[in-house]
Amino acid sequence: MSHSAPQPPILSIRDLHVSIHGRTDARPILKGLSVDIPRGSTVALLGESGSGKTLAAYAVLNVLPRVARLDSGQILFNGADLRTMPPAGLNRVRGNRIGMVYQEPSTSLNPLLRVGDQISETLTTHKGLSHRNAREQVISLMELVGIPDARRRYSQLPHQFSGGVKQRLVIAMALACHPELLLADEPTSALDSTVQAQILDLLSRLITDLRMSVFLISHDLGVIAALADRVAVLLDGMVVEDGAVRDVLEEPAHPYTRALLSGKPRPSGTAVEESLPASSPGCPFLRNCPHRLPVCSRAMPDPFIPKEGRMVRCFLFGEPPGDAHE
């Protein structure tokens, strides 16, 4: 009896390095980030504010801010490397095959243009629809994401909508071309708790109904628990733990993940970069880790696979080097 080979992930980020460049120096932010998004799954990248997780989403679409530079790595979308794709090809992917929901809905909408026209532009650009046909599809999309009286509201300007409805509009814009992959960067962080719950419910329903693949960027454990199938924990620019959401949230392995779940990742809000000198080869969580070993100041361990579908980078697991306890 033959078994079909497993499908490759729709998105595979491999050993991604991104740095921020000042006038005289460069500071590495992502330091070998690797994460896979299986087809039909939602994978979350969990990290604290300022950890660089948003840069990972921006790097996928090559929309990094001017001060950021993608130094090395692969970003494979359906097997094609987006890093080396010609600009014309990348433009056909952005907003069409990959949709993006940005963190702040107000920055995604032009304040001077009717909201319906902004969404329909995606359809006329990528799908070649007439303005009339695009308008009808946009009205259907607005209804799909729960905006009442969509035909009338099509012609309104962004300032006439609440924050929660603006986020629904941004979601509609991201879904307009029925993308194969949705990037969602902190999709509820700008909303109050009541509206956040409504948007989470909407996203959960859309992910299920449309069978979308989603790369979710978030610092919020509640959002990740509600939406994601898998979670990758980002520490100092690299993934230190990866697994099914239930496994990681119920039985966190890495001491940093345990600290995140307890709400006490670092005392006094100390930045990750301050935990060790920038040139240190050791674990960035060293100073705050209750389980540290002498070797932790000298090296980062290789990924260890305790069981299928789970990964952790910590000398508490696997086979530590011979001098680990010296």
C-alpha atoms as a PDB file:
ATOM      1  CA  MET A   1       0.000   0.000   0.000  1.00  0.00           C
ATOM      2  CA  SER A   2       1.564   3.287  -1.121  1.00  0.00           C
ATOM      3  CA  HIS A   3       1.422   6.446   0.953  1.00  0.00           C
ATOM      4  CA  SER A   4       1.407   9.842  -0.684  1.00  0.00           C
ATOM      5  CA  ALA A   5       4.264  12.115   0.326  1.00  0.00           C
ATOM      6  CA  PRO A   6       3.343  14.910   2.732  1.00  0.00           C
ATOM      7  CA  GLN A   7       2.719  18.248   1.067  1.00  0.00           C
ATOM      8  CA  PRO A   8       5.487  20.802   1.445  1.00  0.00           C
ATOM      9  CA  PRO A   9       4.604  23.845   3.557  1.00  0.00           C
ATOM     10  CA  ILE A  10       2.980  26.753   1.742  1.00  0.00           C
ATOM     11  CA  LEU A  11       5.555  29.056   3.362  1.00  0.00           C
ATOM     12  CA  SER A  12       8.987  28.059   4.599  1.00  0.00           C
ATOM     13  CA  ILE A  13      11.259  30.665   6.197  1.00  0.00           C
ATOM     14  CA  ARG A  14      14.804  29.354   6.389  1.00  0.00           C
ATOM     15  CA  ASP A  15      17.662  30.830   8.436  1.00  0.00           C
ATOM     16  CA  LEU A  16      16.423  34.407   8.020  1.00  0.00           C
ATOM     17  CA  HIS A  17      18.726  37.219   9.117  1.00  0.00           C
ATOM     18  CA  VAL A  18      17.423  40.820   9.273  1.00  0.00           C
ATOM     19  CA  SER A  19      19.296  43.790  10.722  1.00  0.00           C
ATOM     20  CA  ILE A  20      18.528  47.417  11.547  1.00  0.00           C
ATOM     21  CA  HIS A  21      21.035  49.872  10.116  1.00  0.00           C
ATOM     22  CA  GLY A  22      21.946  53.165  11.737  1.00  0.00           C
ATOM     23  CA  ARG A  23      24.330  55.796  10.478  1.00  0.00           C
ATOM     24  CA  THR A  24      27.411  53.999  11.736  1.00  0.00           C
ATOM     25  CA  ASP A  25      26.431  50.470  12.669  1.00  0.00           C
ATOM     26  CA  ALA A  26      24.029  47.589  12.119  1.00  0.00           C
ATOM     27  CA  ARG A  27      22.127  45.700  14.810  1.00  0.00           C
ATOM     28  CA  PRO A  28      20.947  42.149  14.067  1.00  0.00           C
ATOM     29  CA  ILE A  29      17.279  41.593  14.914  1.00  0.00           C
ATOM     30  CA  LEU A  30      16.362  38.251  13.338  1.00  0.00           C
ATOM     31  CA  LYS A  31      19.253  35.812  13.742  1.00  0.00           C
ATOM     32  CA  GLY A  32      18.508  32.669  11.832  1.00  0.00           C
ATOM     33  CA  LEU A  33      14.711  32.594  12.099  1.00  0.00           C
ATOM     34  CA  SER A  34      13.233  29.392  10.691  1.00  0.00           C
ATOM     35  CA  VAL A  35       9.524  28.538  10.643  1.00  0.00           C
ATOM     36  CA  ASP A  36       7.173  26.549   8.378  1.00  0.00           C
ATOM     37  CA  ILE A  37       3.496  27.233   7.635  1.00  0.00           C
ATOM     38  CA  PRO A  38       1.778  23.967   6.589  1.00  0.00           C
ATOM     39  CA  ARG A  39      -1.084  24.258   4.115  1.00  0.00           C
ATOM     40  CA  GLY A  40      -4.409  24.884   5.793  1.00  0.00           C
ATOM     41  CA  SER A  41      -2.801  25.617   9.164  1.00  0.00           C
ATOM     42  CA  THR A  42      -2.418  28.690  11.332  1.00  0.00           C
ATOM     43  CA  VAL A  43       1.071  29.076  12.765  1.00  0.00           C
ATOM     44  CA  ALA A  44       1.777  31.823  15.303  1.00  0.00           C
ATOM     45  CA  LEU A  45       5.082  33.546  15.908  1.00  0.00           C
ATOM     46  CA  LEU A  46       5.021  34.480  19.598  1.00  0.00           C
ATOM     47  CA  GLY A  47       7.310  37.232  20.786  1.00  0.00           C
ATOM     48  CA  GLU A  48       7.385  40.197  23.092  1.00  0.00           C
ATOM     49  CA  SER A  49       7.026  43.754  21.836  1.00  0.00           C
ATOM     50  CA  GLY A  50      10.237  44.784  20.120  1.00  0.00           C
ATOM     51  CA  SER A  51      11.377  41.200  19.486  1.00  0.00           C
ATOM     52  CA  GLY A  52      11.388  41.654  15.714  1.00  0.00           C
ATOM     53  CA  LYS A  53       8.460  39.384  14.936  1.00  0.00           C
ATOM     54  CA  THR A  54       6.730  42.013  12.765  1.00  0.00           C
ATOM     55  CA  LEU A  55       9.892  42.280  10.670  1.00  0.00           C
ATOM     56  CA  ALA A  56       9.455  38.597   9.832  1.00  0.00           C
ATOM     57  CA  ALA A  57       6.053  39.291   8.260  1.00  0.00           C
ATOM     58  CA  TYR A  58       7.354  42.360   6.435  1.00  0.00           C
ATOM     59  CA  ALA A  59      10.326  40.377   5.136  1.00  0.00           C
ATOM     60  CA  VAL A  60       7.997  37.830   3.535  1.00  0.00           C
ATOM     61  CA  LEU A  61       6.496  40.531   1.299  1.00  0.00           C
ATOM     62  CA  ASN A  62       9.735  42.538   1.000  1.00  0.00           C
ATOM     63  CA  VAL A  63       8.138  45.611   2.586  1.00  0.00           C
ATOM     64  CA  LEU A  64      10.759  46.134   5.292  1.00  0.00           C
ATOM     65  CA  PRO A  65      11.213  49.696   6.570  1.00  0.00           C
ATOM     66  CA  ARG A  66      14.131  51.608   5.063  1.00  0.00           C
ATOM     67  CA  VAL A  67      16.344  51.115   8.109  1.00  0.00           C
ATOM     68  CA  ALA A  68      15.962  47.323   7.935  1.00  0.00           C
ATOM     69  CA  ARG A  69      17.891  44.994   5.665  1.00  0.00           C
ATOM     70  CA  LEU A  70      17.315  41.357   4.808  1.00  0.00           C
ATOM     71  CA  ASP A  71      20.867  40.018   5.016  1.00  0.00           C
ATOM     72  CA  SER A  72      20.433  36.323   4.224  1.00  0.00           C
ATOM     73  CA  GLY A  73      18.053  33.381   4.283  1.00  0.00           C
ATOM     74  CA  GLN A  74      15.293  31.898   2.161  1.00  0.00           C
ATOM     75  CA  ILE A  75      11.571  32.695   2.050  1.00  0.00           C
ATOM     76  CA  LEU A  76       9.967  29.912   0.047  1.00  0.00           C
ATOM     77  CA  PHE A  77       6.342  30.403  -1.027  1.00  0.00           C
ATOM     78  CA  ASN A  78       5.038  27.313  -2.822  1.00  0.00           C
ATOM     79  CA  GLY A  79       8.681  26.414  -3.357  1.00  0.00           C
ATOM     80  CA  ALA A  80       9.664  29.723  -5.021  1.00  0.00           C
ATOM     81  CA  ASP A  81      12.089  31.992  -3.151  1.00  0.00           C
ATOM     82  CA  LEU A  82      10.446  35.392  -2.706  1.00  0.00           C
ATOM     83  CA  ARG A  83      13.866  36.918  -1.950  1.00  0.00           C
ATOM     84  CA  THR A  84      15.109  36.312  -5.474  1.00  0.00           C
ATOM     85  CA  MET A  85      11.790  36.786  -7.292  1.00  0.00           C
ATOM     86  CA  PRO A  86      11.797  39.673  -9.823  1.00  0.00           C
ATOM     87  CA  PRO A  87       9.778  42.759  -8.735  1.00  0.00           C
ATOM     88  CA  ALA A  88       7.042  42.087 -11.282  1.00  0.00           C
ATOM     89  CA  GLY A  89       6.556  38.564  -9.931  1.00  0.00           C
ATOM     90  CA  LEU A  90       6.541  39.760  -6.347  1.00  0.00           C
ATOM     91  CA  ASN A  91       3.913  42.379  -7.201  1.00  0.00           C
ATOM     92  CA  ARG A  92       1.697  39.585  -8.536  1.00  0.00           C
ATOM     93  CA  VAL A  93       2.062  37.777  -5.200  1.00  0.00           C
ATOM     94  CA  ARG A  94       1.481  40.717  -2.837  1.00  0.00           C
ATOM     95  CA  GLY A  95      -2.190  41.325  -2.126  1.00  0.00           C
ATOM     96  CA  ASN A  96      -3.150  38.574  -4.535  1.00  0.00           C
ATOM     97  CA  ARG A  97      -1.732  35.209  -3.481  1.00  0.00           C
ATOM     98  CA  ILE A  98      -0.593  36.525  -0.082  1.00  0.00           C
ATOM     99  CA  GLY A  99      -2.861  38.900   1.854  1.00  0.00           C
ATOM    100  CA  MET A 100      -1.779  40.992   4.838  1.00  0.00           C
ATOM    101  CA  VAL A 101      -3.686  42.302   7.849  1.00  0.00           C
ATOM    102  CA  TYR A 102      -1.609  45.034   9.455  1.00  0.00           C
ATOM    103  CA  GLN A 103      -1.453  45.856  13.142  1.00  0.00           C
ATOM    104  CA  GLU A 104      -3.004  49.336  12.971  1.00  0.00           C
ATOM    105  CA  PRO A 105      -6.073  49.508  10.692  1.00  0.00           C
ATOM    106  CA  SER A 106      -5.893  53.281  10.309  1.00  0.00           C
ATOM    107  CA  THR A 107      -2.504  53.052   8.596  1.00  0.00           C
ATOM    108  CA  SER A 108      -3.866  50.555   6.060  1.00  0.00           C
ATOM    109  CA  LEU A 109      -6.634  52.861   4.817  1.00  0.00           C
ATOM    110  CA  ASN A 110      -6.229  56.070   2.809  1.00  0.00           C
ATOM    111  CA  PRO A 111      -8.240  58.703   4.730  1.00  0.00           C
ATOM    112  CA  LEU A 112      -9.184  60.529   1.504  1.00  0.00           C
ATOM    113  CA  LEU A 113     -10.608  57.624  -0.493  1.00  0.00           C
ATOM    114  CA  ARG A 114     -13.907  55.783  -0.209  1.00  0.00           C
ATOM    115  CA  VAL A 115     -13.356  52.493   1.580  1.00  0.00           C
ATOM    116  CA  GLY A 116     -15.077  50.450  -1.095  1.00  0.00           C
ATOM    117  CA  ASP A 117     -12.854  51.884  -3.814  1.00  0.00           C
ATOM    118  CA  GLN A 118      -9.760  51.008  -1.768  1.00  0.00           C
ATOM    119  CA  ILE A 119     -10.806  47.376  -1.531  1.00  0.00           C
ATOM    120  CA  SER A 120     -11.942  47.171  -5.167  1.00  0.00           C
ATOM    121  CA  GLU A 121      -8.567  48.464  -6.369  1.00  0.00           C
ATOM    122  CA  THR A 122      -7.075  45.124  -5.335  1.00  0.00           C
ATOM    123  CA  LEU A 123      -9.564  43.309  -7.563  1.00  0.00           C
ATOM    124  CA  THR A 124      -9.168  45.584 -10.583  1.00  0.00           C
ATOM    125  CA  THR A 125      -5.363  45.428 -10.287  1.00  0.00           C
ATOM    126  CA  HIS A 126      -4.871  41.699  -9.718  1.00  0.00           C
ATOM    127  CA  LYS A 127      -7.992  40.143 -11.225  1.00  0.00           C
ATOM    128  CA  GLY A 128      -8.696  42.588 -14.070  1.00  0.00           C
ATOM    129  CA  LEU A 129     -12.315  43.059 -12.999  1.00  0.00           C
ATOM    130  CA  SER A 130     -14.384  45.980 -14.222  1.00  0.00           C
ATOM    131  CA  HIS A 131     -15.184  48.607 -11.589  1.00  0.00           C
ATOM    132  CA  ARG A 132     -18.830  47.481 -11.597  1.00  0.00           C
ATOM    133  CA  ASN A 133     -17.991  43.808 -11.011  1.00  0.00           C
ATOM    134  CA  ALA A 134     -15.355  44.710  -8.432  1.00  0.00           C
ATOM    135  CA  ARG A 135     -17.885  46.863  -6.579  1.00  0.00           C
ATOM    136  CA  GLU A 136     -20.336  43.967  -6.281  1.00  0.00           C
ATOM    137  CA  GLN A 137     -17.624  41.625  -5.028  1.00  0.00           C
ATOM    138  CA  VAL A 138     -16.476  44.196  -2.461  1.00  0.00           C
ATOM    139  CA  ILE A 139     -20.010  44.626  -1.155  1.00  0.00           C
ATOM    140  CA  SER A 140     -20.220  40.841  -0.741  1.00  0.00           C
ATOM    141  CA  LEU A 141     -16.847  40.866   1.038  1.00  0.00           C
ATOM    142  CA  MET A 142     -17.979  43.635   3.395  1.00  0.00           C
ATOM    143  CA  GLU A 143     -21.036  41.549   4.242  1.00  0.00           C
ATOM    144  CA  LEU A 144     -18.848  38.458   4.726  1.00  0.00           C
ATOM    145  CA  VAL A 145     -16.765  40.235   7.390  1.00  0.00           C
ATOM    146  CA  GLY A 146     -19.882  41.443   9.197  1.00  0.00           C
ATOM    147  CA  ILE A 147     -20.311  45.061   8.038  1.00  0.00           C
ATOM    148  CA  PRO A 148     -24.058  45.843   7.930  1.00  0.00           C
ATOM    149  CA  ASP A 149     -25.592  48.038   5.218  1.00  0.00           C
ATOM    150  CA  ALA A 150     -22.526  47.376   3.083  1.00  0.00           C
ATOM    151  CA  ARG A 151     -23.916  48.880  -0.140  1.00  0.00           C
ATOM    152  CA  ARG A 152     -24.375  52.286   1.499  1.00  0.00           C
ATOM    153  CA  ARG A 153     -21.176  52.162   3.519  1.00  0.00           C
ATOM    154  CA  TYR A 154     -19.111  51.324   0.414  1.00  0.00           C
ATOM    155  CA  SER A 155     -18.982  55.060  -0.379  1.00  0.00           C
ATOM    156  CA  GLN A 156     -18.004  56.265   3.085  1.00  0.00           C
ATOM    157  CA  LEU A 157     -14.559  57.485   4.169  1.00  0.00           C
ATOM    158  CA  PRO A 158     -12.451  55.709   6.827  1.00  0.00           C
ATOM    159  CA  HIS A 159     -13.104  58.328   9.519  1.00  0.00           C
ATOM    160  CA  GLN A 160     -16.793  57.380   9.438  1.00  0.00           C
ATOM    161  CA  PHE A 161     -16.006  53.905  10.807  1.00  0.00           C
ATOM    162  CA  SER A 162     -15.098  52.738  14.312  1.00  0.00           C
ATOM    163  CA  GLY A 163     -11.773  51.010  14.980  1.00  0.00           C
ATOM    164  CA  GLY A 164     -13.388  47.582  15.000  1.00  0.00           C
ATOM    165  CA  VAL A 165     -15.167  48.132  11.678  1.00  0.00           C
ATOM    166  CA  LYS A 166     -11.961  49.529  10.156  1.00  0.00           C
ATOM    167  CA  GLN A 167     -10.248  46.275  11.094  1.00  0.00           C
ATOM    168  CA  ARG A 168     -13.054  44.358   9.394  1.00  0.00           C
ATOM    169  CA  LEU A 169     -12.449  46.480   6.290  1.00  0.00           C
ATOM    170  CA  VAL A 170      -8.725  45.679   6.405  1.00  0.00           C
ATOM    171  CA  ILE A 171      -9.548  41.977   6.686  1.00  0.00           C
ATOM    172  CA  ALA A 172     -11.911  42.289   3.700  1.00  0.00           C
ATOM    173  CA  MET A 173      -9.116  43.981   1.718  1.00  0.00           C
ATOM    174  CA  ALA A 174      -6.681  41.197   2.601  1.00  0.00           C
ATOM    175  CA  LEU A 175      -9.187  38.528   1.521  1.00  0.00           C
ATOM    176  CA  ALA A 176     -10.353  40.249  -1.661  1.00  0.00           C
ATOM    177  CA  CYS A 177      -8.327  38.079  -4.051  1.00  0.00           C
ATOM    178  CA  HIS A 178      -8.862  34.837  -2.108  1.00  0.00           C
ATOM    179  CA  PRO A 179      -5.192  34.559  -1.124  1.00  0.00           C
ATOM    180  CA  GLU A 180      -3.525  31.239  -0.483  1.00  0.00           C
ATOM    181  CA  LEU A 181      -1.788  32.666   2.587  1.00  0.00           C
ATOM    182  CA  LEU A 182      -2.813  35.349   5.069  1.00  0.00           C
ATOM    183  CA  LEU A 183      -0.246  37.261   7.124  1.00  0.00           C
ATOM    184  CA  ALA A 184      -1.855  38.706  10.255  1.00  0.00           C
ATOM    185  CA  ASP A 185       0.287  41.098  12.288  1.00  0.00           C
ATOM    186  CA  GLU A 186      -1.200  41.650  15.765  1.00  0.00           C
ATOM    187  CA  PRO A 187      -4.687  41.786  14.178  1.00  0.00           C
ATOM    188  CA  THR A 188      -6.488  42.768  17.405  1.00  0.00           C
ATOM    189  CA  SER A 189      -3.901  44.708  19.406  1.00  0.00           C
ATOM    190  CA  ALA A 190      -5.324  48.154  18.564  1.00  0.00           C
ATOM    191  CA  LEU A 191      -8.836  47.227  19.718  1.00  0.00           C
ATOM    192  CA  ASP A 192     -10.582  47.223  23.071  1.00  0.00           C
ATOM    193  CA  SER A 193     -11.370  43.871  24.654  1.00  0.00           C
ATOM    194  CA  THR A 194     -14.992  43.652  23.490  1.00  0.00           C
ATOM    195  CA  VAL A 195     -14.181  44.441  19.867  1.00  0.00           C
ATOM    196  CA  GLN A 196     -11.098  42.213  20.066  1.00  0.00           C
ATOM    197  CA  ALA A 197     -13.317  39.255  20.945  1.00  0.00           C
ATOM    198  CA  GLN A 198     -15.558  40.001  17.956  1.00  0.00           C
ATOM    199  CA  ILE A 199     -12.597  40.183  15.549  1.00  0.00           C
ATOM    200  CA  LEU A 200     -11.145  36.959  16.975  1.00  0.00           C
ATOM    201  CA  ASP A 201     -14.476  35.237  16.425  1.00  0.00           C
ATOM    202  CA  LEU A 202     -14.590  36.596  12.856  1.00  0.00           C
ATOM    203  CA  LEU A 203     -11.046  35.475  12.051  1.00  0.00           C
ATOM    204  CA  SER A 204     -11.627  32.047  13.561  1.00  0.00           C
ATOM    205  CA  ARG A 205     -14.740  31.572  11.436  1.00  0.00           C
ATOM    206  CA  LEU A 206     -13.055  32.807   8.248  1.00  0.00           C
ATOM    207  CA  ILE A 207      -9.989  30.601   8.788  1.00  0.00           C
ATOM    208  CA  THR A 208     -12.255  27.560   9.133  1.00  0.00           C
ATOM    209  CA  ASP A 209     -14.715  28.407   6.360  1.00  0.00           C
ATOM    210  CA  LEU A 210     -12.106  29.499   3.800  1.00  0.00           C
ATOM    211  CA  ARG A 211      -9.531  26.853   4.825  1.00  0.00           C
ATOM    212  CA  MET A 212      -6.825  29.481   4.874  1.00  0.00           C
ATOM    213  CA  SER A 213      -3.153  29.120   5.677  1.00  0.00           C
ATOM    214  CA  VAL A 214      -2.223  31.826   8.182  1.00  0.00           C
ATOM    215  CA  PHE A 215       1.036  33.214   9.571  1.00  0.00           C
ATOM    216  CA  LEU A 216      -0.049  34.958  12.774  1.00  0.00           C
ATOM    217  CA  ILE A 217       2.249  37.461  14.484  1.00  0.00           C
ATOM    218  CA  SER A 218       1.316  38.103  18.114  1.00  0.00           C
ATOM    219  CA  HIS A 219       2.497  38.742  21.653  1.00  0.00           C
ATOM    220  CA  ASP A 220      -0.953  37.814  23.009  1.00  0.00           C
ATOM    221  CA  LEU A 221      -1.323  34.270  24.333  1.00  0.00           C
ATOM    222  CA  GLY A 222      -5.111  34.535  24.251  1.00  0.00           C
ATOM    223  CA  VAL A 223      -5.110  35.387  20.548  1.00  0.00           C
ATOM    224  CA  ILE A 224      -2.710  32.531  19.806  1.00  0.00           C
ATOM    225  CA  ALA A 225      -4.749  30.031  21.832  1.00  0.00           C
ATOM    226  CA  ALA A 226      -7.916  31.107  19.991  1.00  0.00           C
ATOM    227  CA  LEU A 227      -6.570  31.012  16.426  1.00  0.00           C
ATOM    228  CA  ALA A 228      -3.380  29.008  16.000  1.00  0.00           C
ATOM    229  CA  ASP A 229      -2.666  25.319  15.440  1.00  0.00           C
ATOM    230  CA  ARG A 230       1.071  25.693  16.092  1.00  0.00           C
ATOM    231  CA  VAL A 231       3.255  28.267  17.808  1.00  0.00           C
ATOM    232  CA  ALA A 232       6.916  29.195  17.391  1.00  0.00           C
ATOM    233  CA  VAL A 233       8.444  31.110  20.309  1.00  0.00           C
ATOM    234  CA  LEU A 234      10.823  33.897  19.287  1.00  0.00           C
ATOM    235  CA  LEU A 235      13.741  34.825  21.546  1.00  0.00           C
ATOM    236  CA  ASP A 236      16.467  37.204  20.423  1.00  0.00           C
ATOM    237  CA  GLY A 237      15.691  36.669  16.764  1.00  0.00           C
ATOM    238  CA  MET A 238      15.530  32.882  16.690  1.00  0.00           C
ATOM    239  CA  VAL A 239      12.915  30.237  17.449  1.00  0.00           C
ATOM    240  CA  VAL A 240      13.663  28.512  20.760  1.00  0.00           C
ATOM    241  CA  GLU A 241      10.517  26.385  20.977  1.00  0.00           C
ATOM    242  CA  ASP A 242       8.041  25.144  18.393  1.00  0.00           C
ATOM    243  CA  GLY A 243       5.077  22.818  18.623  1.00  0.00           C
ATOM    244  CA  ALA A 244       1.336  22.355  18.649  1.00  0.00           C
ATOM    245  CA  VAL A 245      -0.362  25.188  20.542  1.00  0.00           C
ATOM    246  CA  ARG A 246      -1.854  22.898  23.167  1.00  0.00           C
ATOM    247  CA  ASP A 247       1.486  21.177  23.809  1.00  0.00           C
ATOM    248  CA  VAL A 248       3.442  24.420  24.155  1.00  0.00           C
ATOM    249  CA  LEU A 249       0.861  26.252  26.256  1.00  0.00           C
ATOM    250  CA  GLU A 250       0.143  23.307  28.553  1.00  0.00           C
ATOM    251  CA  GLU A 251       3.680  21.921  28.827  1.00  0.00           C
ATOM    252  CA  PRO A 252       6.173  24.653  27.931  1.00  0.00           C
ATOM    253  CA  ALA A 253       9.708  23.314  27.672  1.00  0.00           C
ATOM    254  CA  HIS A 254      12.039  26.279  27.273  1.00  0.00           C
ATOM    255  CA  PRO A 255      12.484  28.382  30.458  1.00  0.00           C
ATOM    256  CA  TYR A 256      11.775  31.515  28.401  1.00  0.00           C
ATOM    257  CA  THR A 257       8.432  30.082  27.231  1.00  0.00           C
ATOM    258  CA  ARG A 258       7.557  29.232  30.840  1.00  0.00           C
ATOM    259  CA  ALA A 259       8.380  32.802  31.839  1.00  0.00           C
ATOM    260  CA  LEU A 260       6.199  34.204  29.054  1.00  0.00           C
ATOM    261  CA  LEU A 261       3.285  32.052  30.184  1.00  0.00           C
ATOM    262  CA  SER A 262       3.734  33.178  33.778  1.00  0.00           C
ATOM    263  CA  GLY A 263       3.730  36.794  32.618  1.00  0.00           C
ATOM    264  CA  LYS A 264       7.268  37.368  33.924  1.00  0.00           C
ATOM    265  CA  PRO A 265       9.679  36.966  31.007  1.00  0.00           C
ATOM    266  CA  ARG A 266      12.192  39.521  32.362  1.00  0.00           C
ATOM    267  CA  PRO A 267      12.330  41.687  35.467  1.00  0.00           C
ATOM    268  CA  SER A 268      11.728  45.428  35.174  1.00  0.00           C
ATOM    269  CA  GLY A 269      10.986  45.212  31.473  1.00  0.00           C
ATOM    270  CA  THR A 270      14.627  44.591  30.583  1.00  0.00           C
ATOM    271  CA  ALA A 271      15.027  44.342  26.822  1.00  0.00           C
ATOM    272  CA  VAL A 272      16.033  40.957  25.423  1.00  0.00           C
ATOM    273  CA  GLU A 273      19.130  42.527  23.882  1.00  0.00           C
ATOM    274  CA  GLU A 274      20.275  43.683  27.316  1.00  0.00           C
ATOM    275  CA  SER A 275      20.194  40.211  28.829  1.00  0.00           C
ATOM    276  CA  LEU A 276      23.670  39.460  27.443  1.00  0.00           C
ATOM    277  CA  PRO A 277      26.306  41.586  25.743  1.00  0.00           C
ATOM    278  CA  ALA A 278      25.633  41.820  22.016  1.00  0.00           C
ATOM    279  CA  SER A 279      28.724  39.763  21.188  1.00  0.00           C
ATOM    280  CA  SER A 280      27.945  36.940  23.623  1.00  0.00           C
ATOM    281  CA  PRO A 281      27.519  33.507  22.035  1.00  0.00           C
ATOM    282  CA  GLY A 282      25.299  32.328  24.897  1.00  0.00           C
ATOM    283  CA  CYS A 283      21.578  32.161  25.548  1.00  0.00           C
ATOM    284  CA  PRO A 284      19.890  35.594  25.665  1.00  0.00           C
ATOM    285  CA  PHE A 285      17.718  34.423  28.576  1.00  0.00           C
ATOM    286  CA  LEU A 286      20.732  33.432  30.677  1.00  0.00           C
ATOM    287  CA  ARG A 287      20.578  36.097  33.382  1.00  0.00           C
ATOM    288  CA  ASN A 288      16.902  35.497  34.091  1.00  0.00           C
ATOM    289  CA  CYS A 289      16.897  31.724  33.769  1.00  0.00           C
ATOM    290  CA  PRO A 290      16.485  29.744  37.011  1.00  0.00           C
ATOM    291  CA  HIS A 291      17.863  26.599  35.338  1.00  0.00           C
ATOM    292  CA  ARG A 292      21.009  27.990  33.715  1.00  0.00           C
ATOM    293  CA  LEU A 293      24.078  25.821  33.286  1.00  0.00           C
ATOM    294  CA  PRO A 294      27.685  27.011  32.874  1.00  0.00           C
ATOM    295  CA  VAL A 295      27.587  26.127  29.178  1.00  0.00           C
ATOM    296  CA  CYS A 296      24.628  28.466  28.632  1.00  0.00           C
ATOM    297  CA  SER A 297      26.966  31.482  28.692  1.00  0.00           C
ATOM    298  CA  ARG A 298      29.184  29.986  26.005  1.00  0.00           C
ATOM    299  CA  ALA A 299      26.880  28.661  23.304  1.00  0.00           C
ATOM    300  CA  MET A 300      23.358  28.293  21.988  1.00  0.00           C
ATOM    301  CA  PRO A 301      22.318  24.642  21.690  1.00  0.00           C
ATOM    302  CA  ASP A 302      21.236  23.040  18.461  1.00  0.00           C
ATOM    303  CA  PRO A 303      17.498  22.367  18.061  1.00  0.00           C
ATOM    304  CA  PHE A 304      16.399  19.260  19.963  1.00  0.00           C
ATOM    305  CA  ILE A 305      13.357  17.229  18.899  1.00  0.00           C
ATOM    306  CA  PRO A 306      11.860  15.619  22.048  1.00  0.00           C
ATOM    307  CA  LYS A 307       9.047  14.104  19.970  1.00  0.00           C
ATOM    308  CA  GLU A 308       7.645  14.411  16.469  1.00  0.00           C
ATOM    309  CA  GLY A 309       6.291  17.899  15.849  1.00  0.00           C
ATOM    310  CA  ARG A 310       8.076  19.493  18.800  1.00  0.00           C
ATOM    311  CA  MET A 311      11.354  21.430  19.008  1.00  0.00           C
ATOM    312  CA  VAL A 312      13.250  23.178  21.808  1.00  0.00           C
ATOM    313  CA  ARG A 313      16.671  24.875  21.907  1.00  0.00           C
ATOM    314  CA  CYS A 314      17.888  24.465  25.477  1.00  0.00           C
ATOM    315  CA  PHE A 315      20.725  22.565  27.140  1.00  0.00           C
ATOM    316  CA  LEU A 316      18.217  21.145  29.644  1.00  0.00           C
ATOM    317  CA  PHE A 317      17.108  18.849  26.818  1.00  0.00           C
ATOM    318  CA  GLY A 318      18.947  16.484  24.534  1.00  0.00           C
ATOM    319  CA  GLU A 319      22.603  15.634  24.919  1.00  0.00           C
ATOM    320  CA  PRO A 320      24.538  18.580  26.366  1.00  0.00           C
ATOM    321  CA  PRO A 321      28.241  18.894  25.612  1.00  0.00           C
ATOM    322  CA  GLY A 322      30.679  17.195  27.996  1.00  0.00           C
ATOM    323  CA  ASP A 323      31.532  20.443  29.803  1.00  0.00           C
ATOM    324  CA  ALA A 324      27.897  21.484  30.291  1.00  0.00           C
ATOM    325  CA  HIS A 325      28.017  21.237  34.089  1.00  0.00           C
ATOM    326  CA  GLU A 326      31.566  22.382  34.659  1.00  0.00           C
END
